[in-house]
Amino acid sequence: MLILNSGGTFNKRYNSINGELEVPFDNNALESILQSANHIYPLAGVVYKDSLDMTLDDRSKLANIIREAEENTFIVIHGTDTMHLSAAFFSEVFDDKIIILTGSMVPFEIDNIEASFNLGMAIGFSKAMLKPGVYICMSGLIEKFDLLEKNRTLGKFEFVK
């Protein structure tokens, strides 16, 4: 399994100089969570962006890493606003990989519970899943990407109606 960090709210930190939440160019949030695991998981920082700023080139960069990696299973840390777009892109490119997208609605720096929970669920699911596909792991749910959607009013992911 390989964990790919593409940024998103999961990674955001408060910049006290400009008063904004920013996606830093590091893997600190993930490294902090993974320290508590009793296994070393490979981690690569790829794109450090808010998902609203993700482009086709960014998705292609992630896909190229997935394509060239020795691993068959990937967890992609991604912003929730366009997670569905990246998941759909990956589903068009791959039919032989297990790709799980996860993130958080609240930055790890502000409240570490949601980010830690989602990553832990994604890791556990990655170890149990044997069937290739693209999945979303959010809000206590893990399902094929096209069966979950972000409910902006409730601030959580839920099954597509």
C-alpha atoms as a PDB file:
ATOM      1  CA  MET A   1       0.000   0.000   0.000  1.00  0.00           C
ATOM      2  CA  LEU A   2       1.145   3.536  -0.775  1.00  0.00           C
ATOM      3  CA  ILE A   3      -0.364   6.691   0.749  1.00  0.00           C
ATOM      4  CA  LEU A   4      -0.371   9.715  -1.565  1.00  0.00           C
ATOM      5  CA  ASN A   5      -0.900  13.175  -0.097  1.00  0.00           C
ATOM      6  CA  SER A   6      -2.568  15.727  -2.343  1.00  0.00           C
ATOM      7  CA  GLY A   7      -3.409  18.285   0.337  1.00  0.00           C
ATOM      8  CA  GLY A   8      -6.961  19.355   1.082  1.00  0.00           C
ATOM      9  CA  THR A   9      -8.499  20.443   4.364  1.00  0.00           C
ATOM     10  CA  PHE A  10      -7.002  17.350   6.030  1.00  0.00           C
ATOM     11  CA  ASN A  11      -3.594  19.070   5.883  1.00  0.00           C
ATOM     12  CA  LYS A  12      -4.553  22.727   6.325  1.00  0.00           C
ATOM     13  CA  ARG A  13      -2.848  24.843   8.976  1.00  0.00           C
ATOM     14  CA  TYR A  14      -3.524  28.321  10.256  1.00  0.00           C
ATOM     15  CA  ASN A  15      -1.117  30.998   9.035  1.00  0.00           C
ATOM     16  CA  SER A  16      -1.000  33.555  11.873  1.00  0.00           C
ATOM     17  CA  ILE A  17       0.575  36.181   9.624  1.00  0.00           C
ATOM     18  CA  ASN A  18      -2.211  36.400   7.042  1.00  0.00           C
ATOM     19  CA  GLY A  19      -4.975  34.836   9.150  1.00  0.00           C
ATOM     20  CA  GLU A  20      -5.809  32.136   6.604  1.00  0.00           C
ATOM     21  CA  LEU A  21      -5.907  28.365   6.539  1.00  0.00           C
ATOM     22  CA  GLU A  22      -3.345  27.126   4.025  1.00  0.00           C
ATOM     23  CA  VAL A  23      -2.248  23.777   2.645  1.00  0.00           C
ATOM     24  CA  PRO A  24       1.425  23.521   3.629  1.00  0.00           C
ATOM     25  CA  PHE A  25       4.015  21.807   1.451  1.00  0.00           C
ATOM     26  CA  ASP A  26       4.613  18.972   3.932  1.00  0.00           C
ATOM     27  CA  ASN A  27       3.153  15.741   5.265  1.00  0.00           C
ATOM     28  CA  ASN A  28       3.100  16.701   8.963  1.00  0.00           C
ATOM     29  CA  ALA A  29      -0.542  15.764   9.627  1.00  0.00           C
ATOM     30  CA  LEU A  30      -0.163  12.335   8.049  1.00  0.00           C
ATOM     31  CA  GLU A  31       3.192  11.678   9.681  1.00  0.00           C
ATOM     32  CA  SER A  32       1.699  12.566  13.054  1.00  0.00           C
ATOM     33  CA  ILE A  33      -1.171  10.092  12.609  1.00  0.00           C
ATOM     34  CA  LEU A  34       1.030   7.334  11.210  1.00  0.00           C
ATOM     35  CA  GLN A  35       3.431   7.573  14.175  1.00  0.00           C
ATOM     36  CA  SER A  36       0.781   5.847  16.278  1.00  0.00           C
ATOM     37  CA  ALA A  37       0.544   2.880  13.901  1.00  0.00           C
ATOM     38  CA  ASN A  38       2.559  -0.213  14.646  1.00  0.00           C
ATOM     39  CA  HIS A  39       3.531  -0.482  10.991  1.00  0.00           C
ATOM     40  CA  ILE A  40       5.470   1.780   8.648  1.00  0.00           C
ATOM     41  CA  TYR A  41       3.357   2.875   5.681  1.00  0.00           C
ATOM     42  CA  PRO A  42       5.028   4.396   2.646  1.00  0.00           C
ATOM     43  CA  LEU A  43       3.934   7.995   2.148  1.00  0.00           C
ATOM     44  CA  ALA A  44       4.540  10.376  -0.729  1.00  0.00           C
ATOM     45  CA  GLY A  45       3.565  14.033  -0.916  1.00  0.00           C
ATOM     46  CA  VAL A  46       2.501  14.749  -4.480  1.00  0.00           C
ATOM     47  CA  VAL A  47       0.239  17.783  -4.776  1.00  0.00           C
ATOM     48  CA  TYR A  48      -0.271  20.215  -1.918  1.00  0.00           C
ATOM     49  CA  LYS A  49      -3.485  22.010  -2.845  1.00  0.00           C
ATOM     50  CA  ASP A  50      -6.988  22.775  -1.798  1.00  0.00           C
ATOM     51  CA  SER A  51      -9.071  20.461  -3.947  1.00  0.00           C
ATOM     52  CA  LEU A  52     -10.867  23.432  -5.520  1.00  0.00           C
ATOM     53  CA  ASP A  53      -7.504  24.257  -7.109  1.00  0.00           C
ATOM     54  CA  MET A  54      -6.875  20.719  -8.426  1.00  0.00           C
ATOM     55  CA  THR A  55      -6.384  20.502 -12.183  1.00  0.00           C
ATOM     56  CA  LEU A  56      -6.330  17.751 -14.772  1.00  0.00           C
ATOM     57  CA  ASP A  57      -2.527  17.968 -14.639  1.00  0.00           C
ATOM     58  CA  ASP A  58      -2.619  17.326 -10.872  1.00  0.00           C
ATOM     59  CA  ARG A  59      -4.879  14.298 -11.335  1.00  0.00           C
ATOM     60  CA  SER A  60      -2.627  13.048 -14.132  1.00  0.00           C
ATOM     61  CA  LYS A  61       0.417  13.417 -11.870  1.00  0.00           C
ATOM     62  CA  LEU A  62      -1.268  11.269  -9.219  1.00  0.00           C
ATOM     63  CA  ALA A  63      -2.344   8.733 -11.864  1.00  0.00           C
ATOM     64  CA  ASN A  64       1.193   8.488 -13.226  1.00  0.00           C
ATOM     65  CA  ILE A  65       2.531   7.691  -9.767  1.00  0.00           C
ATOM     66  CA  ILE A  66      -0.157   5.040  -9.300  1.00  0.00           C
ATOM     67  CA  ARG A  67       0.579   3.586 -12.737  1.00  0.00           C
ATOM     68  CA  GLU A  68       4.336   3.350 -12.142  1.00  0.00           C
ATOM     69  CA  ALA A  69       4.259   2.171  -8.521  1.00  0.00           C
ATOM     70  CA  GLU A  70       4.893  -1.420  -7.537  1.00  0.00           C
ATOM     71  CA  GLU A  71       1.977  -1.318  -5.103  1.00  0.00           C
ATOM     72  CA  ASN A  72      -1.545  -2.355  -6.068  1.00  0.00           C
ATOM     73  CA  THR A  73      -3.356  -0.456  -3.301  1.00  0.00           C
ATOM     74  CA  PHE A  74      -3.357   3.311  -2.781  1.00  0.00           C
ATOM     75  CA  ILE A  75      -4.844   5.730  -0.286  1.00  0.00           C
ATOM     76  CA  VAL A  76      -5.119   9.253  -1.656  1.00  0.00           C
ATOM     77  CA  ILE A  77      -5.522  12.073   0.854  1.00  0.00           C
ATOM     78  CA  HIS A  78      -7.690  14.571  -0.999  1.00  0.00           C
ATOM     79  CA  GLY A  79      -9.844  17.617  -0.410  1.00  0.00           C
ATOM     80  CA  THR A  80     -13.544  16.856  -0.143  1.00  0.00           C
ATOM     81  CA  ASP A  81     -14.877  19.467  -2.579  1.00  0.00           C
ATOM     82  CA  THR A  82     -13.559  17.731  -5.705  1.00  0.00           C
ATOM     83  CA  MET A  83     -12.825  14.266  -4.354  1.00  0.00           C
ATOM     84  CA  HIS A  84     -15.584  12.888  -6.584  1.00  0.00           C
ATOM     85  CA  LEU A  85     -13.952  14.368  -9.696  1.00  0.00           C
ATOM     86  CA  SER A  86     -10.595  12.758  -8.961  1.00  0.00           C
ATOM     87  CA  ALA A  87     -12.301   9.465  -8.108  1.00  0.00           C
ATOM     88  CA  ALA A  88     -14.175   9.498 -11.421  1.00  0.00           C
ATOM     89  CA  PHE A  89     -10.919  10.302 -13.243  1.00  0.00           C
ATOM     90  CA  PHE A  90      -9.104   7.396 -11.561  1.00  0.00           C
ATOM     91  CA  SER A  91     -11.972   5.026 -12.386  1.00  0.00           C
ATOM     92  CA  GLU A  92     -11.569   5.880 -16.075  1.00  0.00           C
ATOM     93  CA  VAL A  93      -7.814   5.273 -15.970  1.00  0.00           C
ATOM     94  CA  PHE A  94      -7.535   2.166 -13.751  1.00  0.00           C
ATOM     95  CA  ASP A  95      -9.408  -1.106 -13.528  1.00  0.00           C
ATOM     96  CA  ASP A  96      -6.699  -3.142 -11.820  1.00  0.00           C
ATOM     97  CA  LYS A  97      -5.889  -1.054  -8.714  1.00  0.00           C
ATOM     98  CA  ILE A  98      -7.519  -0.446  -5.353  1.00  0.00           C
ATOM     99  CA  ILE A  99      -7.699   3.319  -4.854  1.00  0.00           C
ATOM    100  CA  ILE A 100      -9.255   4.796  -1.724  1.00  0.00           C
ATOM    101  CA  LEU A 101      -9.766   8.546  -1.440  1.00  0.00           C
ATOM    102  CA  THR A 102     -10.156  10.050   1.995  1.00  0.00           C
ATOM    103  CA  GLY A 103      -9.844  13.433   3.626  1.00  0.00           C
ATOM    104  CA  SER A 104     -11.555  15.468   6.325  1.00  0.00           C
ATOM    105  CA  MET A 105     -14.001  18.307   6.666  1.00  0.00           C
ATOM    106  CA  VAL A 106     -11.976  19.823   9.536  1.00  0.00           C
ATOM    107  CA  PRO A 107      -8.189  20.327   9.419  1.00  0.00           C
ATOM    108  CA  PHE A 108      -6.121  17.889  11.482  1.00  0.00           C
ATOM    109  CA  GLU A 109      -4.494  20.887  13.183  1.00  0.00           C
ATOM    110  CA  ILE A 110      -7.864  22.110  14.492  1.00  0.00           C
ATOM    111  CA  ASP A 111      -9.361  18.739  15.477  1.00  0.00           C
ATOM    112  CA  ASN A 112      -7.351  15.597  14.812  1.00  0.00           C
ATOM    113  CA  ILE A 113     -10.164  13.097  15.371  1.00  0.00           C
ATOM    114  CA  GLU A 114     -11.908  13.107  11.975  1.00  0.00           C
ATOM    115  CA  ALA A 115      -8.707  13.011   9.906  1.00  0.00           C
ATOM    116  CA  SER A 116      -7.258  10.239  12.077  1.00  0.00           C
ATOM    117  CA  PHE A 117     -10.490   8.239  11.982  1.00  0.00           C
ATOM    118  CA  ASN A 118     -10.859   8.513   8.198  1.00  0.00           C
ATOM    119  CA  LEU A 119      -7.249   7.548   7.532  1.00  0.00           C
ATOM    120  CA  GLY A 120      -7.484   4.621   9.969  1.00  0.00           C
ATOM    121  CA  MET A 121     -10.651   3.362   8.299  1.00  0.00           C
ATOM    122  CA  ALA A 122      -9.062   3.693   4.864  1.00  0.00           C
ATOM    123  CA  ILE A 123      -5.988   1.723   5.980  1.00  0.00           C
ATOM    124  CA  GLY A 124      -8.135  -1.025   7.499  1.00  0.00           C
ATOM    125  CA  PHE A 125     -10.328  -1.216   4.407  1.00  0.00           C
ATOM    126  CA  SER A 126      -7.270  -1.345   2.157  1.00  0.00           C
ATOM    127  CA  LYS A 127      -6.083  -4.450   3.984  1.00  0.00           C
ATOM    128  CA  ALA A 128      -9.449  -6.207   3.649  1.00  0.00           C
ATOM    129  CA  MET A 129     -10.394  -5.207   0.096  1.00  0.00           C
ATOM    130  CA  LEU A 130      -9.289  -7.586  -2.617  1.00  0.00           C
ATOM    131  CA  LYS A 131     -11.422  -6.292  -5.479  1.00  0.00           C
ATOM    132  CA  PRO A 132      -9.987  -3.470  -7.604  1.00  0.00           C
ATOM    133  CA  GLY A 133     -11.969  -0.246  -7.751  1.00  0.00           C
ATOM    134  CA  VAL A 134     -12.094   3.371  -6.662  1.00  0.00           C
ATOM    135  CA  TYR A 135     -13.595   4.019  -3.236  1.00  0.00           C
ATOM    136  CA  ILE A 136     -14.341   6.976  -0.993  1.00  0.00           C
ATOM    137  CA  CYS A 137     -13.819   6.713   2.764  1.00  0.00           C
ATOM    138  CA  MET A 138     -15.536   9.575   4.594  1.00  0.00           C
ATOM    139  CA  SER A 139     -17.914  10.137   7.514  1.00  0.00           C
ATOM    140  CA  GLY A 140     -17.694   6.537   8.715  1.00  0.00           C
ATOM    141  CA  LEU A 141     -18.609   5.178   5.279  1.00  0.00           C
ATOM    142  CA  ILE A 142     -16.521   3.355   2.687  1.00  0.00           C
ATOM    143  CA  GLU A 143     -18.096   2.650  -0.656  1.00  0.00           C
ATOM    144  CA  LYS A 144     -17.523   2.752  -4.406  1.00  0.00           C
ATOM    145  CA  PHE A 145     -16.926   6.395  -5.309  1.00  0.00           C
ATOM    146  CA  ASP A 146     -20.182   6.814  -7.236  1.00  0.00           C
ATOM    147  CA  LEU A 147     -22.314   5.670  -4.287  1.00  0.00           C
ATOM    148  CA  LEU A 148     -21.250   8.452  -1.879  1.00  0.00           C
ATOM    149  CA  GLU A 149     -21.538  12.204  -2.170  1.00  0.00           C
ATOM    150  CA  LYS A 150     -20.750  15.235  -0.065  1.00  0.00           C
ATOM    151  CA  ASN A 151     -23.795  16.801   1.556  1.00  0.00           C
ATOM    152  CA  ARG A 152     -22.690  20.418   1.913  1.00  0.00           C
ATOM    153  CA  THR A 153     -25.691  21.319   4.053  1.00  0.00           C
ATOM    154  CA  LEU A 154     -24.992  18.643   6.672  1.00  0.00           C
ATOM    155  CA  GLY A 155     -21.195  18.752   6.283  1.00  0.00           C
ATOM    156  CA  LYS A 156     -20.770  15.024   5.773  1.00  0.00           C
ATOM    157  CA  PHE A 157     -20.709  12.341   3.109  1.00  0.00           C
ATOM    158  CA  GLU A 158     -23.742  10.138   2.614  1.00  0.00           C
ATOM    159  CA  PHE A 159     -25.150   7.584   0.203  1.00  0.00           C
ATOM    160  CA  VAL A 160     -26.338   8.895  -3.155  1.00  0.00           C
ATOM    161  CA  LYS A 161     -30.113   9.064  -3.218  1.00  0.00           C
END
